[in-house]
Amino acid sequence: MDSMSLDLATAIRIFELLLGWSLLLQTLEYLKLVRMDRVGDWEIQRQEIPNQPVRWLLDRLFEARIYKGLLWMRCVLSVVLMAGHAELGISLTLFALAVLLLLRWRGAFNGGSDFMTLVGLTGLLLAHGLGTFTETAEAWRIAFWYVTLQSLGSYFVSGWIKLMRPEWRSGLALTVFLDQAVHGPLPDKSFFRSPMVARICSWSFILWEGLFPLALWSFHVAAIFCAVAAVFHFLVYWFFGLNRFFWAWLSTFPAILYCASR
């Protein structure tokens, strides 16, 4: 074991806090969309459900008042999770609500962050589900390894895909993405319009993501990778407004740090 490590109890507590906070913020966004959204109107989306019994059930669940009630219930359960009182029933309910929201939004509302949230909730469900058959500590270790492998895999695959794309190797993709940021196109004299700077930044992302599985080498290495990841996701939030990505992936870091400590 590394001379520095993250013990299981602390990892669980931080994981619950971060996952609960991530869920709470997401759910508050859904509640705000209820008052302003038409793109996600269920009356439109229900036409894509071919199975009549399933459509009937979803019609009931996504009726305006019931749907809003489910979202408020998710808020409450998120706070319960943050307080450290989530047991099997609560974990199962949070998981079911996440799947229901994926159906509601054609598979995902905000891309990879929704699926990483589901990974965290699957880990939570594994911990409490397996905990009914084995020791709690062993169940959490299995859950954390599941979350860790999924999180590391997400970075590795992202880096590998960038490596295969010539526009990322040349740095062109980075400039194109930043031109589409929420603050508008980059200024003509922006630092990132330099081909050399864009190429260096792109290759930094490629190497960092592609080498992310090395985080399991030790607690110190994992801490460095996770710290860089936190800065990266914050910049994604800053430039593109994707706050979900920041908290969804950040909630997996306690699992990574714990597994690296072993």
C-alpha atoms as a PDB file:
ATOM      1  CA  MET A   1       0.000   0.000   0.000  1.00  0.00           C
ATOM      2  CA  ASP A   2       1.125   3.543  -0.750  1.00  0.00           C
ATOM      3  CA  SER A   3       2.599   5.523   2.143  1.00  0.00           C
ATOM      4  CA  MET A   4      -0.263   7.939   1.539  1.00  0.00           C
ATOM      5  CA  SER A   5      -3.711   6.492   0.943  1.00  0.00           C
ATOM      6  CA  LEU A   6      -7.425   7.029   1.194  1.00  0.00           C
ATOM      7  CA  ASP A   7      -9.148   4.759   3.682  1.00  0.00           C
ATOM      8  CA  LEU A   8     -12.426   3.105   2.758  1.00  0.00           C
ATOM      9  CA  ALA A   9     -14.675   4.990   5.169  1.00  0.00           C
ATOM     10  CA  THR A  10     -13.397   8.388   4.012  1.00  0.00           C
ATOM     11  CA  ALA A  11     -13.675   7.385   0.356  1.00  0.00           C
ATOM     12  CA  ILE A  12     -17.288   6.301   0.866  1.00  0.00           C
ATOM     13  CA  ARG A  13     -18.221   9.521   2.624  1.00  0.00           C
ATOM     14  CA  ILE A  14     -16.642  11.760  -0.058  1.00  0.00           C
ATOM     15  CA  PHE A  15     -18.177   9.638  -2.820  1.00  0.00           C
ATOM     16  CA  GLU A  16     -21.651   9.991  -1.297  1.00  0.00           C
ATOM     17  CA  LEU A  17     -21.253  13.749  -0.882  1.00  0.00           C
ATOM     18  CA  LEU A  18     -20.031  14.371  -4.417  1.00  0.00           C
ATOM     19  CA  LEU A  19     -22.512  12.013  -6.081  1.00  0.00           C
ATOM     20  CA  GLY A  20     -25.396  13.434  -4.064  1.00  0.00           C
ATOM     21  CA  TRP A  21     -24.389  17.011  -4.898  1.00  0.00           C
ATOM     22  CA  SER A  22     -24.054  16.134  -8.591  1.00  0.00           C
ATOM     23  CA  LEU A  23     -27.526  14.556  -8.586  1.00  0.00           C
ATOM     24  CA  LEU A  24     -29.047  17.524  -6.767  1.00  0.00           C
ATOM     25  CA  LEU A  25     -27.677  20.069  -9.256  1.00  0.00           C
ATOM     26  CA  GLN A  26     -28.823  17.985 -12.214  1.00  0.00           C
ATOM     27  CA  THR A  27     -32.313  17.610 -10.788  1.00  0.00           C
ATOM     28  CA  LEU A  28     -32.648  21.340 -10.119  1.00  0.00           C
ATOM     29  CA  GLU A  29     -31.781  21.878 -13.785  1.00  0.00           C
ATOM     30  CA  TYR A  30     -34.544  19.454 -14.795  1.00  0.00           C
ATOM     31  CA  LEU A  31     -37.011  21.332 -12.590  1.00  0.00           C
ATOM     32  CA  LYS A  32     -36.068  24.613 -14.233  1.00  0.00           C
ATOM     33  CA  LEU A  33     -36.542  23.081 -17.680  1.00  0.00           C
ATOM     34  CA  VAL A  34     -40.100  22.075 -16.770  1.00  0.00           C
ATOM     35  CA  ARG A  35     -41.011  25.781 -16.916  1.00  0.00           C
ATOM     36  CA  MET A  36     -39.101  26.730 -20.067  1.00  0.00           C
ATOM     37  CA  ASP A  37     -38.553  23.714 -22.306  1.00  0.00           C
ATOM     38  CA  ARG A  38     -40.438  22.648 -25.433  1.00  0.00           C
ATOM     39  CA  VAL A  39     -37.766  20.602 -27.184  1.00  0.00           C
ATOM     40  CA  GLY A  40     -38.122  17.892 -24.545  1.00  0.00           C
ATOM     41  CA  ASP A  41     -41.939  17.982 -24.505  1.00  0.00           C
ATOM     42  CA  TRP A  42     -43.156  14.472 -23.734  1.00  0.00           C
ATOM     43  CA  GLU A  43     -46.112  14.878 -26.092  1.00  0.00           C
ATOM     44  CA  ILE A  44     -43.557  14.946 -28.891  1.00  0.00           C
ATOM     45  CA  GLN A  45     -41.184  12.309 -27.562  1.00  0.00           C
ATOM     46  CA  ARG A  46     -43.895   9.750 -26.698  1.00  0.00           C
ATOM     47  CA  GLN A  47     -44.422   9.153 -30.410  1.00  0.00           C
ATOM     48  CA  GLU A  48     -41.017   7.448 -30.500  1.00  0.00           C
ATOM     49  CA  ILE A  49     -42.168   4.669 -28.104  1.00  0.00           C
ATOM     50  CA  PRO A  50     -43.557   1.859 -30.317  1.00  0.00           C
ATOM     51  CA  ASN A  51     -44.626  -0.471 -27.495  1.00  0.00           C
ATOM     52  CA  GLN A  52     -48.137   0.488 -26.398  1.00  0.00           C
ATOM     53  CA  PRO A  53     -48.011  -0.824 -22.784  1.00  0.00           C
ATOM     54  CA  VAL A  54     -44.638   0.864 -22.227  1.00  0.00           C
ATOM     55  CA  ARG A  55     -45.939   4.098 -23.741  1.00  0.00           C
ATOM     56  CA  TRP A  56     -49.012   3.942 -21.468  1.00  0.00           C
ATOM     57  CA  LEU A  57     -46.798   3.510 -18.391  1.00  0.00           C
ATOM     58  CA  LEU A  58     -44.459   6.321 -19.391  1.00  0.00           C
ATOM     59  CA  ASP A  59     -47.418   8.577 -20.151  1.00  0.00           C
ATOM     60  CA  ARG A  60     -48.496   8.175 -16.530  1.00  0.00           C
ATOM     61  CA  LEU A  61     -45.014   8.708 -15.096  1.00  0.00           C
ATOM     62  CA  PHE A  62     -44.255  11.732 -17.275  1.00  0.00           C
ATOM     63  CA  GLU A  63     -47.585  13.446 -16.686  1.00  0.00           C
ATOM     64  CA  ALA A  64     -46.623  16.971 -15.613  1.00  0.00           C
ATOM     65  CA  ARG A  65     -47.459  16.781 -11.910  1.00  0.00           C
ATOM     66  CA  ILE A  66     -46.129  13.255 -11.425  1.00  0.00           C
ATOM     67  CA  TYR A  67     -42.934  14.050 -13.346  1.00  0.00           C
ATOM     68  CA  LYS A  68     -42.306  17.123 -11.212  1.00  0.00           C
ATOM     69  CA  GLY A  69     -43.043  15.061  -8.093  1.00  0.00           C
ATOM     70  CA  LEU A  70     -40.457  12.476  -9.153  1.00  0.00           C
ATOM     71  CA  LEU A  71     -37.890  15.222  -9.619  1.00  0.00           C
ATOM     72  CA  TRP A  72     -38.564  16.636  -6.163  1.00  0.00           C
ATOM     73  CA  MET A  73     -38.278  13.141  -4.721  1.00  0.00           C
ATOM     74  CA  ARG A  74     -34.904  12.826  -6.437  1.00  0.00           C
ATOM     75  CA  CYS A  75     -33.834  16.099  -4.811  1.00  0.00           C
ATOM     76  CA  VAL A  76     -34.776  14.790  -1.378  1.00  0.00           C
ATOM     77  CA  LEU A  77     -33.033  11.450  -1.936  1.00  0.00           C
ATOM     78  CA  SER A  78     -29.919  13.275  -3.162  1.00  0.00           C
ATOM     79  CA  VAL A  79     -29.786  15.161   0.130  1.00  0.00           C
ATOM     80  CA  VAL A  80     -30.294  11.879   2.006  1.00  0.00           C
ATOM     81  CA  LEU A  81     -27.358  10.433   0.077  1.00  0.00           C
ATOM     82  CA  MET A  82     -25.209  13.454   0.939  1.00  0.00           C
ATOM     83  CA  ALA A  83     -26.132  12.943   4.579  1.00  0.00           C
ATOM     84  CA  GLY A  84     -24.823   9.379   4.385  1.00  0.00           C
ATOM     85  CA  HIS A  85     -28.151   7.633   4.964  1.00  0.00           C
ATOM     86  CA  ALA A  86     -28.704   5.975   1.575  1.00  0.00           C
ATOM     87  CA  GLU A  87     -29.495   2.290   1.958  1.00  0.00           C
ATOM     88  CA  LEU A  88     -30.522  -0.323  -0.619  1.00  0.00           C
ATOM     89  CA  GLY A  89     -34.037   1.042  -1.169  1.00  0.00           C
ATOM     90  CA  ILE A  90     -32.832   4.596  -1.717  1.00  0.00           C
ATOM     91  CA  SER A  91     -29.982   3.453  -3.968  1.00  0.00           C
ATOM     92  CA  LEU A  92     -32.386   1.386  -6.055  1.00  0.00           C
ATOM     93  CA  THR A  93     -34.831   4.303  -6.332  1.00  0.00           C
ATOM     94  CA  LEU A  94     -32.107   6.732  -7.411  1.00  0.00           C
ATOM     95  CA  PHE A  95     -30.902   4.238 -10.020  1.00  0.00           C
ATOM     96  CA  ALA A  96     -34.447   3.686 -11.335  1.00  0.00           C
ATOM     97  CA  LEU A  97     -35.056   7.447 -11.548  1.00  0.00           C
ATOM     98  CA  ALA A  98     -31.802   7.879 -13.514  1.00  0.00           C
ATOM     99  CA  VAL A  99     -32.874   5.228 -16.023  1.00  0.00           C
ATOM    100  CA  LEU A 100     -36.306   6.849 -16.264  1.00  0.00           C
ATOM    101  CA  LEU A 101     -34.710  10.227 -17.038  1.00  0.00           C
ATOM    102  CA  LEU A 102     -32.565   8.621 -19.731  1.00  0.00           C
ATOM    103  CA  LEU A 103     -35.773   7.367 -21.342  1.00  0.00           C
ATOM    104  CA  ARG A 104     -37.301  10.803 -20.934  1.00  0.00           C
ATOM    105  CA  TRP A 105     -34.439  12.464 -22.826  1.00  0.00           C
ATOM    106  CA  ARG A 106     -33.894   9.924 -25.645  1.00  0.00           C
ATOM    107  CA  GLY A 107     -30.944   8.284 -23.908  1.00  0.00           C
ATOM    108  CA  ALA A 108     -29.143  11.288 -22.447  1.00  0.00           C
ATOM    109  CA  PHE A 109     -29.814  14.927 -21.674  1.00  0.00           C
ATOM    110  CA  ASN A 110     -26.163  15.975 -21.418  1.00  0.00           C
ATOM    111  CA  GLY A 111     -24.171  13.222 -23.086  1.00  0.00           C
ATOM    112  CA  GLY A 112     -21.414  11.429 -21.228  1.00  0.00           C
ATOM    113  CA  SER A 113     -22.093  13.165 -17.919  1.00  0.00           C
ATOM    114  CA  ASP A 114     -25.472  11.414 -17.659  1.00  0.00           C
ATOM    115  CA  PHE A 115     -23.896   8.031 -18.279  1.00  0.00           C
ATOM    116  CA  MET A 116     -21.096   8.716 -15.800  1.00  0.00           C
ATOM    117  CA  THR A 117     -23.783   9.648 -13.274  1.00  0.00           C
ATOM    118  CA  LEU A 118     -25.378   6.276 -13.983  1.00  0.00           C
ATOM    119  CA  VAL A 119     -21.989   4.640 -13.376  1.00  0.00           C
ATOM    120  CA  GLY A 120     -21.824   6.290  -9.955  1.00  0.00           C
ATOM    121  CA  LEU A 121     -25.370   5.198  -9.123  1.00  0.00           C
ATOM    122  CA  THR A 122     -24.612   1.669 -10.328  1.00  0.00           C
ATOM    123  CA  GLY A 123     -21.632   1.621  -7.977  1.00  0.00           C
ATOM    124  CA  LEU A 124     -23.840   2.819  -5.133  1.00  0.00           C
ATOM    125  CA  LEU A 125     -26.412   0.138  -5.925  1.00  0.00           C
ATOM    126  CA  LEU A 126     -23.686  -2.524  -6.112  1.00  0.00           C
ATOM    127  CA  ALA A 127     -22.334  -1.503  -2.728  1.00  0.00           C
ATOM    128  CA  HIS A 128     -25.705  -1.728  -0.987  1.00  0.00           C
ATOM    129  CA  GLY A 129     -26.972  -4.684  -3.020  1.00  0.00           C
ATOM    130  CA  LEU A 130     -23.897  -6.850  -2.505  1.00  0.00           C
ATOM    131  CA  GLY A 131     -23.789  -5.655   1.085  1.00  0.00           C
ATOM    132  CA  THR A 132     -26.853  -7.797   1.773  1.00  0.00           C
ATOM    133  CA  PHE A 133     -24.874 -10.920   0.854  1.00  0.00           C
ATOM    134  CA  THR A 134     -21.338 -10.144   1.983  1.00  0.00           C
ATOM    135  CA  GLU A 135     -19.393  -7.811   4.248  1.00  0.00           C
ATOM    136  CA  THR A 136     -20.099  -4.120   3.709  1.00  0.00           C
ATOM    137  CA  ALA A 137     -16.418  -3.305   3.215  1.00  0.00           C
ATOM    138  CA  GLU A 138     -16.005  -5.986   0.543  1.00  0.00           C
ATOM    139  CA  ALA A 139     -19.155  -4.788  -1.248  1.00  0.00           C
ATOM    140  CA  TRP A 140     -17.852  -1.211  -1.339  1.00  0.00           C
ATOM    141  CA  ARG A 141     -14.456  -2.380  -2.622  1.00  0.00           C
ATOM    142  CA  ILE A 142     -16.173  -4.153  -5.525  1.00  0.00           C
ATOM    143  CA  ALA A 143     -18.327  -1.093  -6.199  1.00  0.00           C
ATOM    144  CA  PHE A 144     -15.324   1.226  -6.181  1.00  0.00           C
ATOM    145  CA  TRP A 145     -13.422  -0.971  -8.605  1.00  0.00           C
ATOM    146  CA  TYR A 146     -16.417  -0.908 -10.949  1.00  0.00           C
ATOM    147  CA  VAL A 147     -16.621   2.900 -10.797  1.00  0.00           C
ATOM    148  CA  THR A 148     -12.843   3.224 -11.177  1.00  0.00           C
ATOM    149  CA  LEU A 149     -12.586   1.017 -14.249  1.00  0.00           C
ATOM    150  CA  GLN A 150     -15.494   2.807 -15.910  1.00  0.00           C
ATOM    151  CA  SER A 151     -14.020   6.239 -15.178  1.00  0.00           C
ATOM    152  CA  LEU A 152     -10.491   5.334 -16.265  1.00  0.00           C
ATOM    153  CA  GLY A 153     -11.908   3.704 -19.376  1.00  0.00           C
ATOM    154  CA  SER A 154     -13.805   6.855 -20.302  1.00  0.00           C
ATOM    155  CA  TYR A 155     -10.613   8.921 -20.280  1.00  0.00           C
ATOM    156  CA  PHE A 156      -8.597   6.261 -22.104  1.00  0.00           C
ATOM    157  CA  VAL A 157     -11.180   5.856 -24.883  1.00  0.00           C
ATOM    158  CA  SER A 158     -11.486   9.631 -25.274  1.00  0.00           C
ATOM    159  CA  GLY A 159      -7.709   9.959 -25.625  1.00  0.00           C
ATOM    160  CA  TRP A 160      -7.505   7.069 -28.078  1.00  0.00           C
ATOM    161  CA  ILE A 161     -10.261   8.538 -30.269  1.00  0.00           C
ATOM    162  CA  LYS A 162      -8.456  11.900 -30.343  1.00  0.00           C
ATOM    163  CA  LEU A 163      -5.232  10.132 -31.321  1.00  0.00           C
ATOM    164  CA  MET A 164      -7.002   8.533 -34.287  1.00  0.00           C
ATOM    165  CA  ARG A 165      -8.395  11.856 -35.548  1.00  0.00           C
ATOM    166  CA  PRO A 166      -6.029  14.002 -37.672  1.00  0.00           C
ATOM    167  CA  GLU A 167      -7.856  17.215 -36.700  1.00  0.00           C
ATOM    168  CA  TRP A 168      -6.954  16.557 -33.051  1.00  0.00           C
ATOM    169  CA  ARG A 169      -3.354  15.633 -33.820  1.00  0.00           C
ATOM    170  CA  SER A 170      -2.948  18.866 -35.770  1.00  0.00           C
ATOM    171  CA  GLY A 171      -4.665  20.994 -33.103  1.00  0.00           C
ATOM    172  CA  LEU A 172      -7.386  22.187 -35.500  1.00  0.00           C
ATOM    173  CA  ALA A 173     -10.194  20.524 -33.511  1.00  0.00           C
ATOM    174  CA  LEU A 174      -9.301  22.450 -30.351  1.00  0.00           C
ATOM    175  CA  THR A 175      -9.624  25.797 -32.117  1.00  0.00           C
ATOM    176  CA  VAL A 176     -12.934  24.771 -33.708  1.00  0.00           C
ATOM    177  CA  PHE A 177     -14.340  23.706 -30.334  1.00  0.00           C
ATOM    178  CA  LEU A 178     -13.234  26.900 -28.598  1.00  0.00           C
ATOM    179  CA  ASP A 179     -14.783  28.975 -31.383  1.00  0.00           C
ATOM    180  CA  GLN A 180     -18.114  27.384 -30.411  1.00  0.00           C
ATOM    181  CA  ALA A 181     -17.756  28.164 -26.697  1.00  0.00           C
ATOM    182  CA  VAL A 182     -20.488  29.986 -24.771  1.00  0.00           C
ATOM    183  CA  HIS A 183     -18.411  33.196 -24.764  1.00  0.00           C
ATOM    184  CA  GLY A 184     -18.388  33.308 -28.560  1.00  0.00           C
ATOM    185  CA  PRO A 185     -15.601  32.773 -31.112  1.00  0.00           C
ATOM    186  CA  LEU A 186     -12.020  33.218 -29.995  1.00  0.00           C
ATOM    187  CA  PRO A 187     -10.573  36.695 -30.606  1.00  0.00           C
ATOM    188  CA  ASP A 188      -8.466  36.927 -33.745  1.00  0.00           C
ATOM    189  CA  LYS A 189      -5.334  37.364 -31.644  1.00  0.00           C
ATOM    190  CA  SER A 190      -6.198  34.646 -29.149  1.00  0.00           C
ATOM    191  CA  PHE A 191      -3.332  32.620 -27.742  1.00  0.00           C
ATOM    192  CA  PHE A 192      -5.143  29.426 -28.838  1.00  0.00           C
ATOM    193  CA  ARG A 193      -5.235  30.439 -32.514  1.00  0.00           C
ATOM    194  CA  SER A 194      -1.517  29.807 -32.738  1.00  0.00           C
ATOM    195  CA  PRO A 195      -1.124  26.452 -34.572  1.00  0.00           C
ATOM    196  CA  MET A 196       1.815  25.511 -32.338  1.00  0.00           C
ATOM    197  CA  VAL A 197      -0.078  26.280 -29.108  1.00  0.00           C
ATOM    198  CA  ALA A 198      -3.194  24.434 -30.331  1.00  0.00           C
ATOM    199  CA  ARG A 199      -1.078  21.413 -31.287  1.00  0.00           C
ATOM    200  CA  ILE A 200       0.713  21.356 -27.928  1.00  0.00           C
ATOM    201  CA  CYS A 201      -2.590  21.615 -26.032  1.00  0.00           C
ATOM    202  CA  SER A 202      -4.192  18.909 -28.163  1.00  0.00           C
ATOM    203  CA  TRP A 203      -1.319  16.484 -27.670  1.00  0.00           C
ATOM    204  CA  SER A 204      -1.323  17.259 -23.938  1.00  0.00           C
ATOM    205  CA  PHE A 205      -4.978  16.184 -23.790  1.00  0.00           C
ATOM    206  CA  ILE A 206      -4.301  13.096 -25.912  1.00  0.00           C
ATOM    207  CA  LEU A 207      -1.396  11.909 -23.766  1.00  0.00           C
ATOM    208  CA  TRP A 208      -3.045  12.752 -20.439  1.00  0.00           C
ATOM    209  CA  GLU A 209      -6.291  10.945 -21.306  1.00  0.00           C
ATOM    210  CA  GLY A 210      -4.569   8.024 -22.992  1.00  0.00           C
ATOM    211  CA  LEU A 211      -2.270   7.450 -20.017  1.00  0.00           C
ATOM    212  CA  PHE A 212      -4.986   7.867 -17.386  1.00  0.00           C
ATOM    213  CA  PRO A 213      -5.042   4.127 -16.473  1.00  0.00           C
ATOM    214  CA  LEU A 214      -1.557   4.706 -15.005  1.00  0.00           C
ATOM    215  CA  ALA A 215      -3.381   6.505 -12.184  1.00  0.00           C
ATOM    216  CA  LEU A 216      -3.665   3.093 -10.528  1.00  0.00           C
ATOM    217  CA  TRP A 217       0.129   3.024 -10.091  1.00  0.00           C
ATOM    218  CA  SER A 218      -0.061   4.720  -6.695  1.00  0.00           C
ATOM    219  CA  PHE A 219      -2.049   7.182  -4.639  1.00  0.00           C
ATOM    220  CA  HIS A 220       0.329  10.013  -5.566  1.00  0.00           C
ATOM    221  CA  VAL A 221       0.019   9.335  -9.297  1.00  0.00           C
ATOM    222  CA  ALA A 222      -3.760   9.055  -8.999  1.00  0.00           C
ATOM    223  CA  ALA A 223      -3.895  12.361  -7.115  1.00  0.00           C
ATOM    224  CA  ILE A 224      -1.979  14.092  -9.926  1.00  0.00           C
ATOM    225  CA  PHE A 225      -4.188  12.625 -12.661  1.00  0.00           C
ATOM    226  CA  CYS A 226      -7.355  13.511 -10.743  1.00  0.00           C
ATOM    227  CA  ALA A 227      -6.134  17.054 -10.029  1.00  0.00           C
ATOM    228  CA  VAL A 228      -5.428  17.623 -13.728  1.00  0.00           C
ATOM    229  CA  ALA A 229      -8.822  16.111 -14.552  1.00  0.00           C
ATOM    230  CA  ALA A 230     -10.545  18.491 -12.139  1.00  0.00           C
ATOM    231  CA  VAL A 231      -8.882  21.483 -13.835  1.00  0.00           C
ATOM    232  CA  PHE A 232      -9.763  20.069 -17.271  1.00  0.00           C
ATOM    233  CA  HIS A 233     -13.447  19.583 -16.394  1.00  0.00           C
ATOM    234  CA  PHE A 234     -13.602  23.027 -14.817  1.00  0.00           C
ATOM    235  CA  LEU A 235     -12.273  24.538 -18.054  1.00  0.00           C
ATOM    236  CA  VAL A 236     -14.905  22.563 -19.995  1.00  0.00           C
ATOM    237  CA  TYR A 237     -17.516  24.105 -17.696  1.00  0.00           C
ATOM    238  CA  TRP A 238     -15.986  27.581 -18.090  1.00  0.00           C
ATOM    239  CA  PHE A 239     -15.824  27.503 -21.883  1.00  0.00           C
ATOM    240  CA  PHE A 240     -18.912  25.407 -22.679  1.00  0.00           C
ATOM    241  CA  GLY A 241     -21.151  25.720 -19.618  1.00  0.00           C
ATOM    242  CA  LEU A 242     -21.142  21.955 -19.030  1.00  0.00           C
ATOM    243  CA  ASN A 243     -21.183  21.956 -15.240  1.00  0.00           C
ATOM    244  CA  ARG A 244     -22.579  18.411 -15.179  1.00  0.00           C
ATOM    245  CA  PHE A 245     -19.322  17.047 -16.569  1.00  0.00           C
ATOM    246  CA  PHE A 246     -17.355  18.597 -13.725  1.00  0.00           C
ATOM    247  CA  TRP A 247     -19.387  17.046 -10.899  1.00  0.00           C
ATOM    248  CA  ALA A 248     -20.209  13.730 -12.627  1.00  0.00           C
ATOM    249  CA  TRP A 249     -16.549  12.837 -13.129  1.00  0.00           C
ATOM    250  CA  LEU A 250     -15.399  14.432  -9.893  1.00  0.00           C
ATOM    251  CA  SER A 251     -17.697  12.064  -7.997  1.00  0.00           C
ATOM    252  CA  THR A 252     -15.686   9.103  -9.349  1.00  0.00           C
ATOM    253  CA  PHE A 253     -12.357  10.394  -8.007  1.00  0.00           C
ATOM    254  CA  PRO A 254     -12.757   8.983  -4.444  1.00  0.00           C
ATOM    255  CA  ALA A 255     -13.107   5.527  -5.996  1.00  0.00           C
ATOM    256  CA  ILE A 256      -9.988   6.033  -8.146  1.00  0.00           C
ATOM    257  CA  LEU A 257      -7.928   7.327  -5.223  1.00  0.00           C
ATOM    258  CA  TYR A 258      -9.076   4.480  -2.997  1.00  0.00           C
ATOM    259  CA  CYS A 259      -8.287   1.775  -5.579  1.00  0.00           C
ATOM    260  CA  ALA A 260      -4.906   3.358  -6.319  1.00  0.00           C
ATOM    261  CA  SER A 261      -4.172   3.302  -2.565  1.00  0.00           C
ATOM    262  CA  ARG A 262      -4.571  -0.447  -2.528  1.00  0.00           C
END
